Amino acid sequence: MYERASKPERAYANSSPSNLQELSLFSGLFQSEMDHLSQISEVRQANKHSYIYSAGQHSTELYFLHSGCIKIGSYHEDGREVIKRVVHPGEMFGELGLVGERYRKDFAKSFNKPVKYYAIKIEDFKGLMYKNSDLSLSVLQQIGLRLRQIENKLEAMVFQSSRDRIVAFLKETANKRGRQIGYETLIRHSFTHQDIANITGTSRQTVTCVLNNLKKANMIHIDRKNILIRDMESLH
């Protein structure tokens, strides 16, 4: 009888998966399926500010981030960068190839730190999905979640102020990657003010102004590598 792959506990929200088996997406796979997944995946690394893929390339692979941070985005016709999503360790990206994307519409690029990730051929992964209906459902749910996040971001751009969008970004990042220290939440990050502006649809000057005001109000403490949120409940 097959054994299902075990799923180890994580100490903190910002701990990185040590292998594919730790990803929640694969928690329902049989051990034989996990062994096959390991065989069809390839571990890769990329330097900081490096492209994993660019717009126009064939969508032949999907990826799972092991460590570091990746931005998914595009360039406006005037050259401005638009960041549509930030990928954290343990998350899937490049998945639109599973639902019919033939050529990349966006780019995937590392921030200012090296990244490590798993690459799997789309056709190989589809074969695994075909054999495991639970995996297929989980993948569809994740793609659906991505679409809802895009819709929420669009609504925020229409209805929220620049300040509200920047605060919402801080809270979202804290919930995904923050480490709780008493009442405070520590975010280790690699975002520049321009990155945050590109993510929130604001300007670098606006980001700097909002962060300085939050710091003066003692709601956050910030340096080049860390953001400390004093109290998530009072951050507004």
Protein backbone atom coordinates (compact mmCIF):
# COMPACT_ATOMS: atom_id res chain seq x y z
CA MET A 1 0.00 0.00 0.00
CA TYR A 2 1.28 3.48 -0.86
CA GLU A 3 2.21 5.95 1.85
CA ARG A 4 1.33 9.59 1.49
CA ALA A 5 4.20 12.06 1.70
CA SER A 6 4.57 13.56 5.14
CA LYS A 7 4.31 17.30 5.67
CA PRO A 8 6.73 18.71 8.27
CA GLU A 9 5.76 21.56 10.54
CA ARG A 10 7.25 25.02 10.05
CA ALA A 11 8.62 27.10 12.84
CA TYR A 12 7.93 30.49 11.29
CA ALA A 13 5.91 31.89 8.42
CA ASN A 14 9.10 33.05 6.74
CA SER A 15 10.98 29.73 6.82
CA SER A 16 11.82 28.40 3.37
CA PRO A 17 10.89 24.88 2.19
CA SER A 18 13.94 22.62 2.10
CA ASN A 19 12.43 20.48 -0.70
CA LEU A 20 9.33 20.05 -2.84
CA GLN A 21 7.80 17.64 -0.34
CA GLU A 22 7.31 20.50 2.12
CA LEU A 23 5.04 22.46 -0.23
CA SER A 24 1.38 22.28 0.80
CA LEU A 25 0.39 21.75 -2.83
CA PHE A 26 2.01 18.30 -2.72
CA SER A 27 0.92 17.22 0.77
CA GLY A 28 -1.63 14.77 -0.69
CA LEU A 29 0.73 12.98 -3.07
CA PHE A 30 1.68 9.36 -2.58
CA GLN A 31 5.35 8.72 -1.88
CA SER A 32 5.78 7.16 -5.33
CA GLU A 33 4.37 10.34 -6.87
CA MET A 34 6.73 12.47 -4.78
CA ASP A 35 9.63 10.35 -6.01
CA HIS A 36 8.49 10.93 -9.60
CA LEU A 37 8.13 14.66 -8.93
CA SER A 38 11.71 14.78 -7.68
CA GLN A 39 12.87 13.06 -10.86
CA ILE A 40 11.13 15.48 -13.23
CA SER A 41 12.13 18.65 -11.34
CA GLU A 42 15.38 20.56 -11.69
CA VAL A 43 16.94 22.78 -9.03
CA ARG A 44 18.22 26.09 -10.39
CA GLN A 45 19.70 29.29 -9.05
CA ALA A 46 19.70 32.86 -10.34
CA ASN A 47 21.71 35.87 -9.29
CA LYS A 48 20.09 39.05 -8.02
CA HIS A 49 18.30 41.16 -10.65
CA SER A 50 18.21 38.14 -13.00
CA TYR A 51 15.34 37.05 -15.23
CA ILE A 52 13.91 33.58 -14.75
CA TYR A 53 11.86 34.20 -17.87
CA SER A 54 10.99 37.20 -20.05
CA ALA A 55 7.87 38.28 -21.94
CA GLY A 56 7.65 36.55 -25.30
CA GLN A 57 9.40 33.34 -24.26
CA HIS A 58 7.67 29.98 -24.70
CA SER A 59 5.69 28.87 -21.63
CA THR A 60 7.23 25.43 -21.35
CA GLU A 61 7.95 25.27 -17.60
CA LEU A 62 6.45 26.15 -14.26
CA TYR A 63 8.38 26.92 -11.11
CA PHE A 64 8.34 26.70 -7.33
CA LEU A 65 10.42 29.16 -5.36
CA HIS A 66 12.75 27.70 -2.74
CA SER A 67 14.46 30.82 -1.41
CA GLY A 68 14.70 34.50 -2.19
CA CYS A 69 12.00 36.69 -3.67
CA ILE A 70 10.76 37.08 -7.26
CA LYS A 71 8.65 39.73 -8.94
CA ILE A 72 6.19 39.02 -11.73
CA GLY A 73 5.50 42.02 -13.91
CA SER A 74 5.62 43.83 -17.20
CA TYR A 75 6.90 47.07 -18.68
CA HIS A 76 4.75 49.99 -19.70
CA GLU A 77 5.36 51.40 -23.17
CA ASP A 78 7.23 54.31 -21.57
CA GLY A 79 9.63 51.87 -19.88
CA ARG A 80 8.13 51.92 -16.41
CA GLU A 81 8.09 48.63 -14.54
CA VAL A 82 4.76 47.34 -13.22
CA ILE A 83 4.98 44.63 -10.55
CA LYS A 84 1.83 42.52 -10.61
CA ARG A 85 2.80 39.97 -7.97
CA VAL A 86 5.56 39.16 -5.52
CA VAL A 87 6.47 35.48 -5.18
CA HIS A 88 7.69 34.22 -1.81
CA PRO A 89 9.36 30.87 -0.94
CA GLY A 90 7.04 27.91 -1.31
CA GLU A 91 4.87 29.58 -3.96
CA MET A 92 4.27 28.53 -7.56
CA PHE A 93 4.83 30.82 -10.53
CA GLY A 94 4.79 30.53 -14.31
CA GLU A 95 1.67 28.38 -13.92
CA LEU A 96 -0.33 29.99 -16.75
CA GLY A 97 1.35 27.55 -19.11
CA LEU A 98 -0.89 24.91 -17.53
CA VAL A 99 -4.04 26.69 -18.74
CA GLY A 100 -3.13 27.50 -22.31
CA GLU A 101 -0.54 30.29 -22.23
CA ARG A 102 1.87 29.61 -25.09
CA TYR A 103 4.11 32.65 -24.69
CA ARG A 104 4.90 34.58 -21.54
CA LYS A 105 2.96 37.81 -21.15
CA ASP A 106 5.01 38.89 -18.13
CA PHE A 107 8.55 38.55 -16.83
CA ALA A 108 9.80 36.84 -13.67
CA LYS A 109 12.85 38.48 -12.11
CA SER A 110 14.71 38.22 -8.82
CA PHE A 111 14.96 41.19 -6.50
CA ASN A 112 18.34 42.25 -5.06
CA LYS A 113 19.19 38.82 -3.67
CA PRO A 114 20.03 35.48 -5.36
CA VAL A 115 17.16 33.00 -5.66
CA LYS A 116 16.84 29.22 -5.74
CA TYR A 117 13.88 27.51 -7.39
CA TYR A 118 12.55 24.28 -8.87
CA ALA A 119 11.71 24.04 -12.59
CA ILE A 120 9.33 21.43 -14.01
CA LYS A 121 8.30 20.91 -17.62
CA ILE A 122 4.65 21.80 -18.18
CA GLU A 123 3.95 18.54 -20.00
CA ASP A 124 5.56 16.47 -17.24
CA PHE A 125 3.52 18.24 -14.58
CA LYS A 126 0.31 17.84 -16.59
CA GLY A 127 0.98 14.09 -16.63
CA LEU A 128 1.19 14.10 -12.84
CA MET A 129 -2.02 16.14 -12.60
CA TYR A 130 -3.79 13.70 -14.92
CA LYS A 131 -2.98 10.84 -12.55
CA ASN A 132 -3.92 12.72 -9.36
CA SER A 133 -7.26 14.54 -9.29
CA ASP A 134 -6.55 16.08 -5.86
CA LEU A 135 -3.42 17.73 -7.25
CA SER A 136 -5.38 19.03 -10.27
CA LEU A 137 -7.99 20.55 -7.96
CA SER A 138 -5.32 22.17 -5.77
CA VAL A 139 -3.61 23.71 -8.81
CA LEU A 140 -6.93 25.08 -10.12
CA GLN A 141 -7.67 26.54 -6.69
CA GLN A 142 -4.29 28.29 -6.65
CA ILE A 143 -4.85 29.72 -10.13
CA GLY A 144 -8.29 30.89 -9.00
CA LEU A 145 -6.69 32.54 -5.98
CA ARG A 146 -4.27 34.39 -8.26
CA LEU A 147 -7.20 35.73 -10.28
CA ARG A 148 -8.98 36.93 -7.14
CA GLN A 149 -5.80 38.66 -5.99
CA ILE A 150 -5.57 40.45 -9.34
CA GLU A 151 -9.21 41.54 -9.01
CA ASN A 152 -8.59 42.78 -5.46
CA LYS A 153 -5.56 44.73 -6.61
CA LEU A 154 -7.56 46.31 -9.41
CA GLU A 155 -10.28 47.36 -6.97
CA ALA A 156 -7.64 48.81 -4.63
CA MET A 157 -6.20 50.87 -7.47
CA VAL A 158 -9.66 52.32 -8.11
CA PHE A 159 -11.00 52.83 -4.59
CA GLN A 160 -8.04 53.10 -2.21
CA SER A 161 -5.69 56.01 -1.69
CA SER A 162 -1.96 55.66 -2.32
CA ARG A 163 -1.33 55.56 1.43
CA ASP A 164 -3.92 52.83 1.94
CA ARG A 165 -2.35 50.70 -0.80
CA ILE A 166 1.11 51.03 0.72
CA VAL A 167 -0.18 50.10 4.19
CA ALA A 168 -2.09 47.15 2.68
CA PHE A 169 1.15 45.99 1.04
CA LEU A 170 2.97 46.10 4.39
CA LYS A 171 0.21 44.09 6.06
CA GLU A 172 0.04 41.53 3.27
CA THR A 173 3.82 41.04 3.32
CA ALA A 174 3.78 40.74 7.12
CA ASN A 175 1.03 38.10 6.99
CA LYS A 176 2.93 36.10 4.38
CA ARG A 177 6.54 36.49 5.50
CA GLY A 178 6.54 38.23 8.86
CA ARG A 179 7.98 36.81 12.06
CA GLN A 180 6.05 37.51 15.24
CA ILE A 181 8.08 39.01 18.09
CA GLY A 182 5.68 39.73 20.93
CA TYR A 183 3.21 42.32 19.64
CA GLU A 184 5.60 43.31 16.87
CA THR A 185 6.06 41.76 13.42
CA LEU A 186 9.45 41.66 11.72
CA ILE A 187 9.68 41.56 7.92
CA ARG A 188 13.06 40.79 6.38
CA HIS A 189 12.81 42.19 2.89
CA SER A 190 14.71 43.13 -0.26
CA PHE A 191 12.36 45.83 -1.55
CA THR A 192 13.54 49.28 -2.54
CA HIS A 193 11.15 52.22 -2.31
CA GLN A 194 10.85 52.03 -6.09
CA ASP A 195 9.89 48.35 -5.87
CA ILE A 196 7.11 49.15 -3.40
CA ALA A 197 5.96 51.95 -5.69
CA ASN A 198 5.86 49.58 -8.67
CA ILE A 199 3.88 47.04 -6.64
CA THR A 200 1.35 49.51 -5.24
CA GLY A 201 0.93 51.68 -8.31
CA THR A 202 2.32 54.79 -6.63
CA SER A 203 5.51 56.85 -6.95
CA ARG A 204 8.82 56.42 -5.13
CA GLN A 205 8.37 59.84 -3.54
CA THR A 206 4.94 58.83 -2.21
CA VAL A 207 6.31 55.59 -0.75
CA THR A 208 9.14 57.46 0.97
CA CYS A 209 6.70 60.02 2.38
CA VAL A 210 4.24 57.40 3.68
CA LEU A 211 6.95 55.25 5.27
CA ASN A 212 8.53 58.30 6.93
CA ASN A 213 5.15 59.34 8.33
CA LEU A 214 4.50 55.82 9.66
CA LYS A 215 7.93 55.86 11.24
CA LYS A 216 7.34 59.27 12.84
CA ALA A 217 4.04 57.97 14.23
CA ASN A 218 5.98 55.02 15.73
CA MET A 219 3.89 52.53 13.77
CA ILE A 220 6.93 51.02 12.04
CA HIS A 221 10.71 50.99 12.21
CA ILE A 222 12.47 50.52 8.89
CA ASP A 223 15.98 50.07 7.54
CA ARG A 224 17.43 48.70 4.30
CA LYS A 225 16.75 45.04 5.14
CA ASN A 226 14.01 45.05 7.77
CA ILE A 227 10.60 46.50 8.49
CA LEU A 228 9.34 46.19 12.06
CA ILE A 229 5.61 46.74 12.45
CA ARG A 230 4.95 47.81 16.03
CA ASP A 231 1.37 46.57 16.16
CA MET A 232 -0.52 45.11 13.20
CA GLU A 233 -3.87 46.11 14.70
CA SER A 234 -2.93 49.78 14.97
CA LEU A 235 -1.26 50.02 11.55
CA HIS A 236 -3.56 52.09 9.34
